[in-house]
Amino acid sequence: MLSWAITFLIIAIVAAVLGFGGIAGAATGIAKILFIIFLVLFIASFFFGRRRG
């Protein structure tokens, strides 16, 4: 999940450098959503994984 977020972030940076504002904005939004999902799943797995011991 984190690798997809990084991939979309790189796509957004390249698109912004080349002047494609719409594509850069969309890729940035997707990267933000994927990163938030990654953080939620990481925190959930951290807490539930520690309970099983």
N, C-alpha and C. Protein backbone atom coordinates (compact mmCIF):
# COMPACT_ATOMS: atom_id res chain seq x y z
N MET A 1 0.84 -1.19 0.00
CA MET A 1 0.00 0.00 0.00
C MET A 1 0.88 1.25 0.00
N LEU A 2 1.92 1.20 0.80
CA LEU A 2 2.82 2.36 0.85
C LEU A 2 3.55 2.54 -0.47
N SER A 3 3.88 1.45 -1.13
CA SER A 3 4.58 1.56 -2.41
C SER A 3 3.70 2.21 -3.47
N TRP A 4 2.38 1.93 -3.44
CA TRP A 4 1.47 2.58 -4.37
C TRP A 4 1.37 4.07 -4.08
N ALA A 5 1.35 4.44 -2.82
CA ALA A 5 1.30 5.86 -2.45
C ALA A 5 2.54 6.59 -2.94
N ILE A 6 3.69 5.97 -2.78
CA ILE A 6 4.94 6.58 -3.24
C ILE A 6 4.96 6.68 -4.76
N THR A 7 4.44 5.65 -5.43
CA THR A 7 4.37 5.68 -6.89
C THR A 7 3.52 6.83 -7.39
N PHE A 8 2.33 7.01 -6.79
CA PHE A 8 1.47 8.12 -7.21
C PHE A 8 2.08 9.46 -6.86
N LEU A 9 2.83 9.54 -5.77
CA LEU A 9 3.51 10.78 -5.42
C LEU A 9 4.57 11.13 -6.45
N ILE A 10 5.31 10.14 -6.91
CA ILE A 10 6.33 10.37 -7.94
C ILE A 10 5.66 10.79 -9.25
N ILE A 11 4.55 10.14 -9.59
CA ILE A 11 3.81 10.53 -10.79
C ILE A 11 3.34 11.98 -10.68
N ALA A 12 2.86 12.37 -9.49
CA ALA A 12 2.41 13.74 -9.29
C ALA A 12 3.55 14.74 -9.44
N ILE A 13 4.70 14.40 -8.91
CA ILE A 13 5.85 15.31 -9.00
C ILE A 13 6.29 15.47 -10.46
N VAL A 14 6.38 14.35 -11.18
CA VAL A 14 6.79 14.41 -12.58
C VAL A 14 5.76 15.19 -13.41
N ALA A 15 4.48 14.95 -13.16
CA ALA A 15 3.44 15.66 -13.90
C ALA A 15 3.47 17.16 -13.59
N ALA A 16 3.75 17.51 -12.35
CA ALA A 16 3.81 18.93 -11.99
C ALA A 16 5.00 19.61 -12.66
N VAL A 17 6.13 18.91 -12.72
CA VAL A 17 7.31 19.48 -13.37
C VAL A 17 7.05 19.69 -14.86
N LEU A 18 6.32 18.76 -15.48
CA LEU A 18 6.04 18.86 -16.91
C LEU A 18 4.86 19.78 -17.22
N GLY A 19 4.17 20.26 -16.20
CA GLY A 19 3.11 21.24 -16.42
C GLY A 19 1.71 20.66 -16.53
N PHE A 20 1.53 19.41 -16.17
CA PHE A 20 0.21 18.80 -16.21
C PHE A 20 -0.44 18.94 -14.84
N GLY A 21 -1.10 20.08 -14.63
CA GLY A 21 -1.65 20.40 -13.31
C GLY A 21 -2.78 19.49 -12.89
N GLY A 22 -3.67 19.15 -13.82
CA GLY A 22 -4.80 18.29 -13.49
C GLY A 22 -4.36 16.89 -13.09
N ILE A 23 -3.44 16.34 -13.85
CA ILE A 23 -2.94 15.00 -13.54
C ILE A 23 -2.17 15.02 -12.24
N ALA A 24 -1.40 16.07 -12.00
CA ALA A 24 -0.63 16.18 -10.76
C ALA A 24 -1.56 16.28 -9.56
N GLY A 25 -2.62 17.04 -9.68
CA GLY A 25 -3.57 17.17 -8.58
C GLY A 25 -4.29 15.87 -8.29
N ALA A 26 -4.69 15.16 -9.34
CA ALA A 26 -5.37 13.88 -9.15
C ALA A 26 -4.43 12.85 -8.53
N ALA A 27 -3.20 12.78 -9.01
CA ALA A 27 -2.25 11.83 -8.47
C ALA A 27 -1.91 12.15 -7.02
N THR A 28 -1.84 13.43 -6.69
CA THR A 28 -1.59 13.83 -5.30
C THR A 28 -2.74 13.41 -4.40
N GLY A 29 -3.96 13.59 -4.87
CA GLY A 29 -5.13 13.18 -4.09
C GLY A 29 -5.15 11.67 -3.85
N ILE A 30 -4.84 10.90 -4.89
CA ILE A 30 -4.80 9.45 -4.75
C ILE A 30 -3.70 9.05 -3.78
N ALA A 31 -2.55 9.69 -3.88
CA ALA A 31 -1.44 9.37 -2.98
C ALA A 31 -1.81 9.66 -1.53
N LYS A 32 -2.50 10.76 -1.28
CA LYS A 32 -2.93 11.10 0.09
C LYS A 32 -3.89 10.06 0.63
N ILE A 33 -4.86 9.66 -0.18
CA ILE A 33 -5.84 8.66 0.25
C ILE A 33 -5.16 7.33 0.56
N LEU A 34 -4.27 6.89 -0.32
CA LEU A 34 -3.57 5.62 -0.09
C LEU A 34 -2.69 5.68 1.15
N PHE A 35 -2.07 6.84 1.39
CA PHE A 35 -1.22 6.96 2.57
C PHE A 35 -2.04 6.92 3.85
N ILE A 36 -3.20 7.54 3.84
CA ILE A 36 -4.08 7.50 5.02
C ILE A 36 -4.57 6.09 5.27
N ILE A 37 -4.95 5.37 4.20
CA ILE A 37 -5.37 3.98 4.36
C ILE A 37 -4.22 3.15 4.91
N PHE A 38 -3.01 3.38 4.41
CA PHE A 38 -1.84 2.67 4.92
C PHE A 38 -1.64 2.93 6.40
N LEU A 39 -1.75 4.19 6.83
CA LEU A 39 -1.56 4.50 8.24
C LEU A 39 -2.61 3.84 9.13
N VAL A 40 -3.86 3.86 8.69
CA VAL A 40 -4.94 3.23 9.47
C VAL A 40 -4.69 1.73 9.60
N LEU A 41 -4.36 1.07 8.50
CA LEU A 41 -4.11 -0.36 8.55
C LEU A 41 -2.87 -0.69 9.37
N PHE A 42 -1.84 0.15 9.29
CA PHE A 42 -0.63 -0.08 10.06
C PHE A 42 -0.91 0.03 11.56
N ILE A 43 -1.63 1.05 11.95
CA ILE A 43 -1.95 1.24 13.37
C ILE A 43 -2.84 0.11 13.87
N ALA A 44 -3.83 -0.28 13.06
CA ALA A 44 -4.72 -1.38 13.46
C ALA A 44 -3.94 -2.68 13.61
N SER A 45 -3.06 -2.98 12.67
CA SER A 45 -2.29 -4.23 12.77
C SER A 45 -1.31 -4.17 13.93
N PHE A 46 -0.80 -3.00 14.23
CA PHE A 46 0.12 -2.87 15.36
C PHE A 46 -0.59 -3.18 16.68
N PHE A 47 -1.77 -2.60 16.87
CA PHE A 47 -2.48 -2.82 18.12
C PHE A 47 -3.06 -4.23 18.23
N PHE A 48 -3.66 -4.72 17.17
CA PHE A 48 -4.26 -6.05 17.23
C PHE A 48 -3.19 -7.15 17.22
N GLY A 49 -2.06 -6.90 16.61
CA GLY A 49 -0.97 -7.85 16.60
C GLY A 49 -0.31 -8.00 17.97
N ARG A 50 -0.27 -6.93 18.73
CA ARG A 50 0.34 -6.99 20.07
C ARG A 50 -0.53 -7.74 21.07
N ARG A 51 -1.83 -7.73 20.85
CA ARG A 51 -2.72 -8.42 21.79
C ARG A 51 -2.58 -9.93 21.69
N ARG A 52 -2.29 -10.43 20.51
CA ARG A 52 -2.14 -11.87 20.34
C ARG A 52 -0.85 -12.38 20.97
N GLY A 53 0.15 -11.52 21.01
CA GLY A 53 1.37 -11.81 21.71
C GLY A 53 2.17 -12.89 21.14
